[in-house]
Amino acid sequence: MTPLVSQISWTNHLLIMSGCKTDEEREFYIRLCIKENYSKRQLERQLDSGYYERYMLSKETLLPESVKKLGENPFLDSYVMEFLDLPNEFHENDLRKALIRNMKDFILELGKDFTFIDEEYKVQVGGDDFRIDLLFYHRGLQCLVAIELKIGKFKPEYISKF
């Protein structure tokens, strides 16, 4: 078995060694680079956005049994969307359109195993028509993932909106 360090590029190795504070964080990014085959640009983006911290915070949330079987939570609690270049004030529709224009970067932010299905996806529940802002399929979970976009602080009534 070869050491982890020899499985990533020298450039990525330097980025990790200079950009991480702890040995655990360094190992996390090294393993992530190997698993996802990150380029220098992809690794820089993950380091700059604090992916390790966000991932570690997400592990603390309560997960359904089907997700626990995967061994890790496929969803983060927060996402960094600086690549959208939105103004300080924007609406949910602006966010959705920017995400669609930047779908590759958005899927990289969500994590692996997500496949984009559609935007403004129409569904009918109990005779009422609804639209799902963004619909994905998660290959690991083998299920659809509906994303309802909201701007601002989370409100409990968002859970029962759909």
Protein backbone atom coordinates (compact mmCIF):
# COMPACT_ATOMS: atom_id res chain seq x y z
CA MET A 1 0.00 0.00 0.00
CA THR A 2 1.42 3.38 -1.00
CA PRO A 3 1.46 6.33 1.40
CA LEU A 4 -1.41 8.81 0.98
CA VAL A 5 0.97 11.66 0.16
CA SER A 6 2.29 9.89 -2.95
CA GLN A 7 -1.24 9.59 -4.38
CA ILE A 8 -1.79 13.34 -4.94
CA SER A 9 0.07 15.94 -6.97
CA TRP A 10 2.91 17.92 -5.45
CA THR A 11 0.92 21.14 -5.96
CA ASN A 12 -2.07 19.76 -4.05
CA HIS A 13 0.26 18.50 -1.34
CA LEU A 14 1.74 21.99 -0.91
CA LEU A 15 -1.73 23.59 -0.81
CA ILE A 16 -2.86 21.19 1.90
CA MET A 17 0.29 21.52 4.00
CA SER A 18 0.23 25.32 3.88
CA GLY A 19 -3.54 25.75 4.16
CA CYS A 20 -4.51 23.37 6.97
CA LYS A 21 -4.21 23.94 10.71
CA THR A 22 -4.32 20.38 12.07
CA ASP A 23 -3.12 16.93 11.08
CA GLU A 24 -6.74 15.74 10.95
CA GLU A 25 -7.64 18.50 8.50
CA ARG A 26 -4.59 17.67 6.34
CA GLU A 27 -5.51 14.00 6.24
CA PHE A 28 -9.12 14.89 5.43
CA TYR A 29 -8.09 16.95 2.38
CA ILE A 30 -5.52 14.39 1.24
CA ARG A 31 -8.14 11.62 1.34
CA LEU A 32 -10.67 13.92 -0.35
CA CYS A 33 -8.18 14.69 -3.15
CA ILE A 34 -7.54 11.00 -3.71
CA LYS A 35 -11.22 10.05 -3.61
CA GLU A 36 -12.45 12.92 -5.84
CA ASN A 37 -9.29 13.28 -7.97
CA TYR A 38 -9.24 17.04 -7.35
CA SER A 39 -7.37 19.44 -9.59
CA LYS A 40 -5.46 22.34 -8.02
CA ARG A 41 -8.40 24.69 -8.71
CA GLN A 42 -10.96 22.34 -7.15
CA LEU A 43 -8.83 21.84 -4.04
CA GLU A 44 -8.21 25.60 -3.67
CA ARG A 45 -11.95 26.19 -3.85
CA GLN A 46 -12.65 23.61 -1.12
CA LEU A 47 -9.89 25.00 1.11
CA ASP A 48 -11.02 28.62 0.59
CA SER A 49 -14.64 27.78 1.35
CA GLY A 50 -13.79 25.96 4.61
CA TYR A 51 -15.16 22.62 3.39
CA TYR A 52 -13.52 20.69 6.24
CA GLU A 53 -15.19 22.81 8.94
CA ARG A 54 -18.57 22.67 7.21
CA TYR A 55 -18.27 18.92 6.75
CA MET A 56 -17.34 18.36 10.39
CA LEU A 57 -20.30 20.48 11.55
CA SER A 58 -22.65 18.53 9.25
CA LYS A 59 -21.59 15.21 10.77
CA GLU A 60 -23.11 16.28 14.08
CA THR A 61 -26.69 16.47 12.75
CA LEU A 62 -29.21 13.68 13.29
CA LEU A 63 -29.51 11.49 10.21
CA PRO A 64 -32.22 9.09 9.05
CA GLU A 65 -31.27 5.38 9.15
CA SER A 66 -30.99 5.15 5.33
CA VAL A 67 -28.37 7.93 5.35
CA LYS A 68 -26.50 6.46 8.35
CA LYS A 69 -25.95 3.29 6.32
CA LEU A 70 -23.89 5.32 3.82
CA GLY A 71 -21.41 6.08 6.59
CA GLU A 72 -21.48 9.84 6.07
CA ASN A 73 -24.01 12.62 5.61
CA PRO A 74 -24.23 13.57 1.90
CA PHE A 75 -25.59 17.02 2.84
CA LEU A 76 -23.75 19.91 4.45
CA ASP A 77 -25.48 22.32 6.82
CA SER A 78 -24.26 25.35 4.91
CA TYR A 79 -22.98 26.05 1.42
CA VAL A 80 -20.65 28.72 0.05
CA MET A 81 -21.95 30.08 -3.25
CA GLU A 82 -19.45 32.86 -3.96
CA PHE A 83 -19.06 31.58 -7.53
CA LEU A 84 -22.56 32.89 -8.35
CA ASP A 85 -21.44 36.55 -8.22
CA LEU A 86 -24.85 37.72 -7.02
CA PRO A 87 -25.33 41.30 -5.77
CA ASN A 88 -25.83 41.91 -2.04
CA GLU A 89 -29.60 42.10 -2.51
CA PHE A 90 -31.23 39.36 -4.62
CA HIS A 91 -34.41 37.28 -4.85
CA GLU A 92 -34.95 33.51 -4.84
CA ASN A 93 -35.59 33.59 -8.59
CA ASP A 94 -32.17 35.29 -9.12
CA LEU A 95 -30.55 32.59 -6.95
CA ARG A 96 -32.21 29.77 -8.93
CA LYS A 97 -31.17 31.27 -12.30
CA ALA A 98 -27.59 31.80 -11.10
CA LEU A 99 -27.41 28.20 -9.82
CA ILE A 100 -28.61 26.88 -13.18
CA ARG A 101 -25.99 28.98 -15.04
CA ASN A 102 -23.29 27.65 -12.70
CA MET A 103 -24.57 24.09 -12.30
CA LYS A 104 -21.15 22.41 -12.41
CA ASP A 105 -19.80 24.50 -9.53
CA PHE A 106 -23.09 24.09 -7.62
CA ILE A 107 -22.95 20.28 -7.88
CA LEU A 108 -19.32 20.34 -6.73
CA GLU A 109 -20.47 22.36 -3.70
CA LEU A 110 -23.30 19.90 -2.92
CA GLY A 111 -20.96 16.94 -2.97
CA LYS A 112 -20.57 13.78 -4.97
CA ASP A 113 -23.32 11.53 -6.34
CA PHE A 114 -25.79 14.32 -7.21
CA THR A 115 -27.35 14.40 -10.69
CA PHE A 116 -29.39 17.40 -11.81
CA ILE A 117 -32.93 16.52 -12.97
CA ASP A 118 -34.77 19.82 -13.57
CA GLU A 119 -35.60 23.30 -12.32
CA GLU A 120 -39.13 24.49 -11.45
CA TYR A 121 -40.17 20.81 -11.53
CA LYS A 122 -43.97 20.43 -11.50
CA VAL A 123 -45.58 18.02 -9.03
CA GLN A 124 -49.18 17.46 -8.05
CA VAL A 125 -50.08 16.64 -4.45
CA GLY A 126 -53.69 16.09 -3.46
CA GLY A 127 -54.98 17.94 -6.50
CA ASP A 128 -52.75 20.97 -5.87
CA ASP A 129 -49.92 21.94 -8.23
CA PHE A 130 -46.49 22.78 -6.81
CA ARG A 131 -43.08 23.59 -8.29
CA ILE A 132 -39.82 22.30 -6.83
CA ASP A 133 -37.08 24.92 -7.31
CA LEU A 134 -34.34 22.36 -8.08
CA LEU A 135 -34.65 18.58 -8.32
CA PHE A 136 -31.67 16.22 -8.10
CA TYR A 137 -31.14 12.49 -7.92
CA HIS A 138 -28.62 11.20 -5.38
CA ARG A 139 -27.00 7.99 -6.64
CA GLY A 140 -25.72 6.87 -3.21
CA LEU A 141 -29.08 7.33 -1.50
CA GLN A 142 -30.96 6.19 -4.62
CA CYS A 143 -33.62 8.85 -4.15
CA LEU A 144 -34.76 12.22 -5.42
CA VAL A 145 -33.61 15.32 -3.54
CA ALA A 146 -35.86 18.38 -3.76
CA ILE A 147 -34.26 21.73 -3.03
CA GLU A 148 -36.56 24.60 -2.11
CA LEU A 149 -34.63 27.86 -2.29
CA LYS A 150 -35.13 30.44 0.44
CA ILE A 151 -33.26 33.70 0.98
CA GLY A 152 -32.47 34.71 4.55
CA LYS A 153 -32.63 32.97 7.90
CA PHE A 154 -34.37 29.59 8.16
CA LYS A 155 -37.96 29.64 9.46
CA PRO A 156 -39.66 26.50 10.86
CA GLU A 157 -42.67 26.92 8.55
CA TYR A 158 -40.36 26.24 5.57
CA ILE A 159 -40.38 22.53 6.56
CA SER A 160 -44.13 22.17 5.96
CA LYS A 161 -44.25 24.34 2.83
CA PHE A 162 -44.27 21.40 0.42
